[in-house]
Amino acid sequence: MSHLPAFELGKRLACWRTGQGLPLARVAEAVAVPVAELRRLEAGLAEPAPGLRYRLNEMMRHDAAEQLTLRKQVVSGFMSYVLLFDVEDTRLLAISSGLARLWPELSALVQHPVLSHMSPEARSLMQDPVFRGRLKRGEIVLAFGASERATDADGSHCKRHRWTVTFHSYGMRVVGEVWYDREPTALSTGVHEVRFFEDVIAA
């Protein structure tokens, strides 16, 4: 994979950050690296890992806000079962029309944190500081598992289903896009696999 030398990437990152009026600490927090490491990256004294390099390049995209707005619109129109959430605060960003019909209570939660409404499997990921740090550094791109979930508003009917979540950078934000399989699954509940940027790119 061709990419800018560390010095060129660092120079671009420093120019972008100062142009945005962002302190080192804010950007370092967004990508889950120490301030000292970010300073070395900006100076071209360190080579970022492949996932972090990708994350930094995506973070600096000038059209990140527009890209997220478009993705929310696309997801909202799906008949499949899909949602978008912000990794930082688990705020629900969008749900598909199919999911809104299946779980109508979710519609009222758009733009609100949904950690307490997540399945135990999803909560275990989002509450794991190591997992969240690796997400913010661009190291993790996908996870899948199985959960039990009520499929109507009163919770009287539950089905085990398979879910897949992919993680994407939109500027400073990392967004999870969750797809729920329509049919019940024989998989046991739990997180079954986590995939990493370097493994996916090398495949």
C-alpha atoms as a PDB file:
ATOM      1  CA  MET A   1       0.000   0.000   0.000  1.00  0.00           C
ATOM      2  CA  SER A   2       1.561   3.308  -1.066  1.00  0.00           C
ATOM      3  CA  HIS A   3       1.371   6.214   1.331  1.00  0.00           C
ATOM      4  CA  LEU A   4       3.037   9.455   2.297  1.00  0.00           C
ATOM      5  CA  PRO A   5       6.388   9.233   4.117  1.00  0.00           C
ATOM      6  CA  ALA A   6       6.105   9.796   7.875  1.00  0.00           C
ATOM      7  CA  PHE A   7       7.507  13.325   7.550  1.00  0.00           C
ATOM      8  CA  GLU A   8       4.947  14.349   4.924  1.00  0.00           C
ATOM      9  CA  LEU A   9       2.054  12.841   6.887  1.00  0.00           C
ATOM     10  CA  GLY A  10       3.236  14.552  10.073  1.00  0.00           C
ATOM     11  CA  LYS A  11       3.547  17.912   8.334  1.00  0.00           C
ATOM     12  CA  ARG A  12       0.051  17.560   6.883  1.00  0.00           C
ATOM     13  CA  LEU A  13      -1.350  16.529  10.265  1.00  0.00           C
ATOM     14  CA  ALA A  14       0.249  19.520  12.019  1.00  0.00           C
ATOM     15  CA  CYS A  15      -1.090  21.936   9.384  1.00  0.00           C
ATOM     16  CA  TRP A  16      -4.571  20.423   9.542  1.00  0.00           C
ATOM     17  CA  ARG A  17      -4.675  20.454  13.353  1.00  0.00           C
ATOM     18  CA  THR A  18      -3.525  24.068  13.692  1.00  0.00           C
ATOM     19  CA  GLY A  19      -5.871  25.118  10.879  1.00  0.00           C
ATOM     20  CA  GLN A  20      -8.750  23.562  12.813  1.00  0.00           C
ATOM     21  CA  GLY A  21      -7.633  25.284  16.013  1.00  0.00           C
ATOM     22  CA  LEU A  22      -7.271  21.958  17.807  1.00  0.00           C
ATOM     23  CA  PRO A  23      -4.787  21.446  20.651  1.00  0.00           C
ATOM     24  CA  LEU A  24      -2.504  18.417  20.555  1.00  0.00           C
ATOM     25  CA  ALA A  25      -4.314  16.914  23.534  1.00  0.00           C
ATOM     26  CA  ARG A  26      -7.699  16.962  21.767  1.00  0.00           C
ATOM     27  CA  VAL A  27      -6.419  15.159  18.684  1.00  0.00           C
ATOM     28  CA  ALA A  28      -4.381  12.726  20.790  1.00  0.00           C
ATOM     29  CA  GLU A  29      -7.524  11.853  22.742  1.00  0.00           C
ATOM     30  CA  ALA A  30      -9.503  11.357  19.523  1.00  0.00           C
ATOM     31  CA  VAL A  31      -6.997   8.796  18.245  1.00  0.00           C
ATOM     32  CA  ALA A  32      -6.128   7.315  21.662  1.00  0.00           C
ATOM     33  CA  VAL A  33      -2.395   8.009  21.603  1.00  0.00           C
ATOM     34  CA  PRO A  34      -0.258   9.875  24.151  1.00  0.00           C
ATOM     35  CA  VAL A  35       0.391  13.558  23.410  1.00  0.00           C
ATOM     36  CA  ALA A  36       4.124  12.841  23.219  1.00  0.00           C
ATOM     37  CA  GLU A  37       3.538  10.225  20.517  1.00  0.00           C
ATOM     38  CA  LEU A  38       1.351  12.591  18.485  1.00  0.00           C
ATOM     39  CA  ARG A  39       4.056  15.267  18.765  1.00  0.00           C
ATOM     40  CA  ARG A  40       6.603  12.774  17.387  1.00  0.00           C
ATOM     41  CA  LEU A  41       4.240  11.858  14.554  1.00  0.00           C
ATOM     42  CA  GLU A  42       3.778  15.521  13.621  1.00  0.00           C
ATOM     43  CA  ALA A  43       7.541  15.999  13.620  1.00  0.00           C
ATOM     44  CA  GLY A  44       7.999  13.010  11.309  1.00  0.00           C
ATOM     45  CA  LEU A  45      10.026  11.183  13.943  1.00  0.00           C
ATOM     46  CA  ALA A  46       7.739   8.158  14.156  1.00  0.00           C
ATOM     47  CA  GLU A  47       5.955   5.962  11.642  1.00  0.00           C
ATOM     48  CA  PRO A  48       2.314   5.332  12.581  1.00  0.00           C
ATOM     49  CA  ALA A  49       0.958   1.794  12.516  1.00  0.00           C
ATOM     50  CA  PRO A  50      -1.116   1.067   9.382  1.00  0.00           C
ATOM     51  CA  GLY A  51      -4.471   1.395  11.155  1.00  0.00           C
ATOM     52  CA  LEU A  52      -3.502   4.673  12.784  1.00  0.00           C
ATOM     53  CA  ARG A  53      -2.184   6.016   9.480  1.00  0.00           C
ATOM     54  CA  TYR A  54      -5.521   5.249   7.849  1.00  0.00           C
ATOM     55  CA  ARG A  55      -7.405   6.767  10.791  1.00  0.00           C
ATOM     56  CA  LEU A  56      -5.366   9.991  10.624  1.00  0.00           C
ATOM     57  CA  ASN A  57      -5.904  10.340   6.884  1.00  0.00           C
ATOM     58  CA  GLU A  58      -9.655   9.793   7.257  1.00  0.00           C
ATOM     59  CA  MET A  59      -9.754  12.245  10.156  1.00  0.00           C
ATOM     60  CA  MET A  60      -8.264  14.971   7.963  1.00  0.00           C
ATOM     61  CA  ARG A  61     -10.768  14.563   5.127  1.00  0.00           C
ATOM     62  CA  HIS A  62     -12.332  17.946   4.383  1.00  0.00           C
ATOM     63  CA  ASP A  63     -15.720  16.396   3.569  1.00  0.00           C
ATOM     64  CA  ALA A  64     -16.060  14.132   6.641  1.00  0.00           C
ATOM     65  CA  ALA A  65     -19.175  15.904   7.981  1.00  0.00           C
ATOM     66  CA  GLU A  66     -20.885  15.682   4.597  1.00  0.00           C
ATOM     67  CA  GLN A  67     -19.959  12.019   4.269  1.00  0.00           C
ATOM     68  CA  LEU A  68     -21.548  11.219   7.639  1.00  0.00           C
ATOM     69  CA  THR A  69     -24.695  13.183   6.775  1.00  0.00           C
ATOM     70  CA  LEU A  70     -25.007  11.233   3.531  1.00  0.00           C
ATOM     71  CA  ARG A  71     -24.459   7.914   5.296  1.00  0.00           C
ATOM     72  CA  LYS A  72     -27.171   8.721   7.855  1.00  0.00           C
ATOM     73  CA  GLN A  73     -29.588   9.454   5.025  1.00  0.00           C
ATOM     74  CA  VAL A  74     -28.718   6.211   3.238  1.00  0.00           C
ATOM     75  CA  VAL A  75     -29.106   4.136   6.405  1.00  0.00           C
ATOM     76  CA  SER A  76     -32.440   5.781   7.242  1.00  0.00           C
ATOM     77  CA  GLY A  77     -33.839   4.559   3.936  1.00  0.00           C
ATOM     78  CA  PHE A  78     -32.822   0.907   4.277  1.00  0.00           C
ATOM     79  CA  MET A  79     -35.526  -1.732   4.648  1.00  0.00           C
ATOM     80  CA  SER A  80     -32.885  -3.940   6.305  1.00  0.00           C
ATOM     81  CA  TYR A  81     -32.086  -3.703  10.037  1.00  0.00           C
ATOM     82  CA  VAL A  82     -29.256  -1.196  10.434  1.00  0.00           C
ATOM     83  CA  LEU A  83     -28.193   1.521  12.866  1.00  0.00           C
ATOM     84  CA  LEU A  84     -25.360   4.019  13.280  1.00  0.00           C
ATOM     85  CA  PHE A  85     -23.918   5.056  16.637  1.00  0.00           C
ATOM     86  CA  ASP A  86     -21.093   7.326  17.788  1.00  0.00           C
ATOM     87  CA  VAL A  87     -18.372   5.313  19.527  1.00  0.00           C
ATOM     88  CA  GLU A  88     -17.377   8.219  21.809  1.00  0.00           C
ATOM     89  CA  ASP A  89     -20.676   8.569  23.677  1.00  0.00           C
ATOM     90  CA  THR A  90     -22.768   5.710  22.164  1.00  0.00           C
ATOM     91  CA  ARG A  91     -25.200   8.302  20.801  1.00  0.00           C
ATOM     92  CA  LEU A  92     -27.607   6.779  18.286  1.00  0.00           C
ATOM     93  CA  LEU A  93     -27.140   8.657  14.999  1.00  0.00           C
ATOM     94  CA  ALA A  94     -29.584   6.935  12.636  1.00  0.00           C
ATOM     95  CA  ILE A  95     -31.744   3.845  12.283  1.00  0.00           C
ATOM     96  CA  SER A  96     -33.140   2.211   9.179  1.00  0.00           C
ATOM     97  CA  SER A  97     -36.835   2.268   8.402  1.00  0.00           C
ATOM     98  CA  GLY A  98     -36.876  -1.526   8.721  1.00  0.00           C
ATOM     99  CA  LEU A  99     -35.370  -1.397  12.202  1.00  0.00           C
ATOM    100  CA  ALA A 100     -37.754   1.380  13.237  1.00  0.00           C
ATOM    101  CA  ARG A 101     -40.655  -0.909  12.407  1.00  0.00           C
ATOM    102  CA  LEU A 102     -39.102  -3.874  14.177  1.00  0.00           C
ATOM    103  CA  TRP A 103     -38.091  -1.988  17.362  1.00  0.00           C
ATOM    104  CA  PRO A 104     -40.256   1.173  17.363  1.00  0.00           C
ATOM    105  CA  GLU A 105     -38.876   2.359  20.707  1.00  0.00           C
ATOM    106  CA  LEU A 106     -35.511   3.021  19.047  1.00  0.00           C
ATOM    107  CA  SER A 107     -36.918   5.904  17.015  1.00  0.00           C
ATOM    108  CA  ALA A 108     -37.246   8.017  20.162  1.00  0.00           C
ATOM    109  CA  LEU A 109     -33.582   7.381  21.056  1.00  0.00           C
ATOM    110  CA  VAL A 110     -31.975   8.940  17.971  1.00  0.00           C
ATOM    111  CA  GLN A 111     -29.471  11.603  19.123  1.00  0.00           C
ATOM    112  CA  HIS A 112     -29.411  10.057  22.637  1.00  0.00           C
ATOM    113  CA  PRO A 113     -26.814   7.740  24.230  1.00  0.00           C
ATOM    114  CA  VAL A 114     -27.943   4.112  23.968  1.00  0.00           C
ATOM    115  CA  LEU A 115     -25.366   2.247  26.057  1.00  0.00           C
ATOM    116  CA  SER A 116     -28.003   1.192  28.597  1.00  0.00           C
ATOM    117  CA  HIS A 117     -30.196  -0.123  25.753  1.00  0.00           C
ATOM    118  CA  MET A 118     -27.469  -2.202  24.128  1.00  0.00           C
ATOM    119  CA  SER A 119     -27.300  -5.957  24.419  1.00  0.00           C
ATOM    120  CA  PRO A 120     -24.857  -7.298  27.040  1.00  0.00           C
ATOM    121  CA  GLU A 121     -22.494  -8.320  24.232  1.00  0.00           C
ATOM    122  CA  ALA A 122     -22.421  -4.833  22.693  1.00  0.00           C
ATOM    123  CA  ARG A 123     -22.074  -3.199  26.125  1.00  0.00           C
ATOM    124  CA  SER A 124     -19.107  -5.433  26.939  1.00  0.00           C
ATOM    125  CA  LEU A 125     -17.302  -4.070  23.884  1.00  0.00           C
ATOM    126  CA  MET A 126     -18.222  -0.418  24.373  1.00  0.00           C
ATOM    127  CA  GLN A 127     -17.283  -0.463  28.059  1.00  0.00           C
ATOM    128  CA  ASP A 128     -13.878  -2.074  27.436  1.00  0.00           C
ATOM    129  CA  PRO A 129     -11.295   0.757  27.448  1.00  0.00           C
ATOM    130  CA  VAL A 130      -8.726  -1.372  25.579  1.00  0.00           C
ATOM    131  CA  PHE A 131     -11.220  -2.162  22.805  1.00  0.00           C
ATOM    132  CA  ARG A 132     -12.309   1.486  22.559  1.00  0.00           C
ATOM    133  CA  GLY A 133      -8.692   2.652  22.382  1.00  0.00           C
ATOM    134  CA  ARG A 134      -7.956   0.239  19.554  1.00  0.00           C
ATOM    135  CA  LEU A 135     -11.061   1.463  17.726  1.00  0.00           C
ATOM    136  CA  LYS A 136      -9.970   5.086  18.006  1.00  0.00           C
ATOM    137  CA  ARG A 137      -6.489   4.205  16.727  1.00  0.00           C
ATOM    138  CA  GLY A 138      -8.012   2.525  13.675  1.00  0.00           C
ATOM    139  CA  GLU A 139      -6.796  -0.940  14.656  1.00  0.00           C
ATOM    140  CA  ILE A 140     -10.217  -2.643  14.784  1.00  0.00           C
ATOM    141  CA  VAL A 141     -12.538  -2.510  11.789  1.00  0.00           C
ATOM    142  CA  LEU A 142     -15.199  -5.144  12.406  1.00  0.00           C
ATOM    143  CA  ALA A 143     -16.773  -7.390  15.018  1.00  0.00           C
ATOM    144  CA  PHE A 144     -19.610  -9.862  14.932  1.00  0.00           C
ATOM    145  CA  GLY A 145     -21.546 -11.924  17.420  1.00  0.00           C
ATOM    146  CA  ALA A 146     -24.991 -13.040  18.506  1.00  0.00           C
ATOM    147  CA  SER A 147     -27.476 -11.632  21.009  1.00  0.00           C
ATOM    148  CA  GLU A 148     -30.979 -12.124  22.317  1.00  0.00           C
ATOM    149  CA  ARG A 149     -33.232  -9.188  21.554  1.00  0.00           C
ATOM    150  CA  ALA A 150     -36.926  -8.376  21.898  1.00  0.00           C
ATOM    151  CA  THR A 151     -38.478  -7.905  18.480  1.00  0.00           C
ATOM    152  CA  ASP A 152     -41.490  -5.945  19.622  1.00  0.00           C
ATOM    153  CA  ALA A 153     -42.001  -2.953  21.872  1.00  0.00           C
ATOM    154  CA  ASP A 154     -43.229  -4.827  24.939  1.00  0.00           C
ATOM    155  CA  GLY A 155     -40.346  -7.283  24.876  1.00  0.00           C
ATOM    156  CA  SER A 156     -42.586 -10.346  24.967  1.00  0.00           C
ATOM    157  CA  HIS A 157     -40.986 -12.003  21.960  1.00  0.00           C
ATOM    158  CA  CYS A 158     -37.230 -12.579  21.739  1.00  0.00           C
ATOM    159  CA  LYS A 159     -35.089 -14.083  19.012  1.00  0.00           C
ATOM    160  CA  ARG A 160     -31.402 -14.809  18.940  1.00  0.00           C
ATOM    161  CA  HIS A 161     -29.882 -12.965  16.017  1.00  0.00           C
ATOM    162  CA  ARG A 162     -26.475 -12.430  14.457  1.00  0.00           C
ATOM    163  CA  TRP A 163     -25.071  -8.905  14.214  1.00  0.00           C
ATOM    164  CA  THR A 164     -22.090  -7.384  12.456  1.00  0.00           C
ATOM    165  CA  VAL A 165     -20.630  -3.980  13.305  1.00  0.00           C
ATOM    166  CA  THR A 166     -18.118  -2.154  11.122  1.00  0.00           C
ATOM    167  CA  PHE A 167     -16.258   0.926  12.341  1.00  0.00           C
ATOM    168  CA  HIS A 168     -15.607   4.004  10.198  1.00  0.00           C
ATOM    169  CA  SER A 169     -13.869   7.345  10.688  1.00  0.00           C
ATOM    170  CA  TYR A 170     -15.745  10.544   9.934  1.00  0.00           C
ATOM    171  CA  GLY A 171     -13.360  13.310  10.906  1.00  0.00           C
ATOM    172  CA  MET A 172     -12.686  13.158  14.635  1.00  0.00           C
ATOM    173  CA  ARG A 173     -15.532  10.697  15.147  1.00  0.00           C
ATOM    174  CA  VAL A 174     -15.536   6.922  14.951  1.00  0.00           C
ATOM    175  CA  VAL A 175     -18.944   5.559  14.024  1.00  0.00           C
ATOM    176  CA  GLY A 176     -20.221   2.010  14.382  1.00  0.00           C
ATOM    177  CA  GLU A 177     -22.558   0.715  11.685  1.00  0.00           C
ATOM    178  CA  VAL A 178     -24.493  -2.307  12.948  1.00  0.00           C
ATOM    179  CA  TRP A 179     -26.273  -4.743  10.636  1.00  0.00           C
ATOM    180  CA  TYR A 180     -28.676  -7.277  12.141  1.00  0.00           C
ATOM    181  CA  ASP A 181     -29.368 -10.520  10.290  1.00  0.00           C
ATOM    182  CA  ARG A 182     -33.036 -11.033   9.561  1.00  0.00           C
ATOM    183  CA  GLU A 183     -33.168 -14.725  10.460  1.00  0.00           C
ATOM    184  CA  PRO A 184     -32.602 -16.273  13.899  1.00  0.00           C
ATOM    185  CA  THR A 185     -29.205 -17.929  14.399  1.00  0.00           C
ATOM    186  CA  ALA A 186     -27.989 -21.068  16.128  1.00  0.00           C
ATOM    187  CA  LEU A 187     -24.849 -19.240  17.302  1.00  0.00           C
ATOM    188  CA  SER A 188     -24.372 -18.973  21.046  1.00  0.00           C
ATOM    189  CA  THR A 189     -24.688 -15.465  22.457  1.00  0.00           C
ATOM    190  CA  GLY A 190     -21.435 -13.553  22.681  1.00  0.00           C
ATOM    191  CA  VAL A 191     -18.824 -11.742  20.631  1.00  0.00           C
ATOM    192  CA  HIS A 192     -17.576 -14.312  18.120  1.00  0.00           C
ATOM    193  CA  GLU A 193     -14.899 -12.452  16.192  1.00  0.00           C
ATOM    194  CA  VAL A 194     -13.033  -9.148  16.081  1.00  0.00           C
ATOM    195  CA  ARG A 195     -11.131  -8.272  12.903  1.00  0.00           C
ATOM    196  CA  PHE A 196      -8.151  -5.955  12.698  1.00  0.00           C
ATOM    197  CA  PHE A 197      -7.176  -3.427  10.055  1.00  0.00           C
ATOM    198  CA  GLU A 198      -3.821  -5.014   9.252  1.00  0.00           C
ATOM    199  CA  ASP A 199      -5.342  -8.494   8.830  1.00  0.00           C
ATOM    200  CA  VAL A 200      -8.161  -7.247   6.586  1.00  0.00           C
ATOM    201  CA  ILE A 201      -5.807  -5.200   4.399  1.00  0.00           C
ATOM    202  CA  ALA A 202      -3.326  -8.075   4.106  1.00  0.00           C
ATOM    203  CA  ALA A 203      -6.017 -10.595   3.112  1.00  0.00           C
END
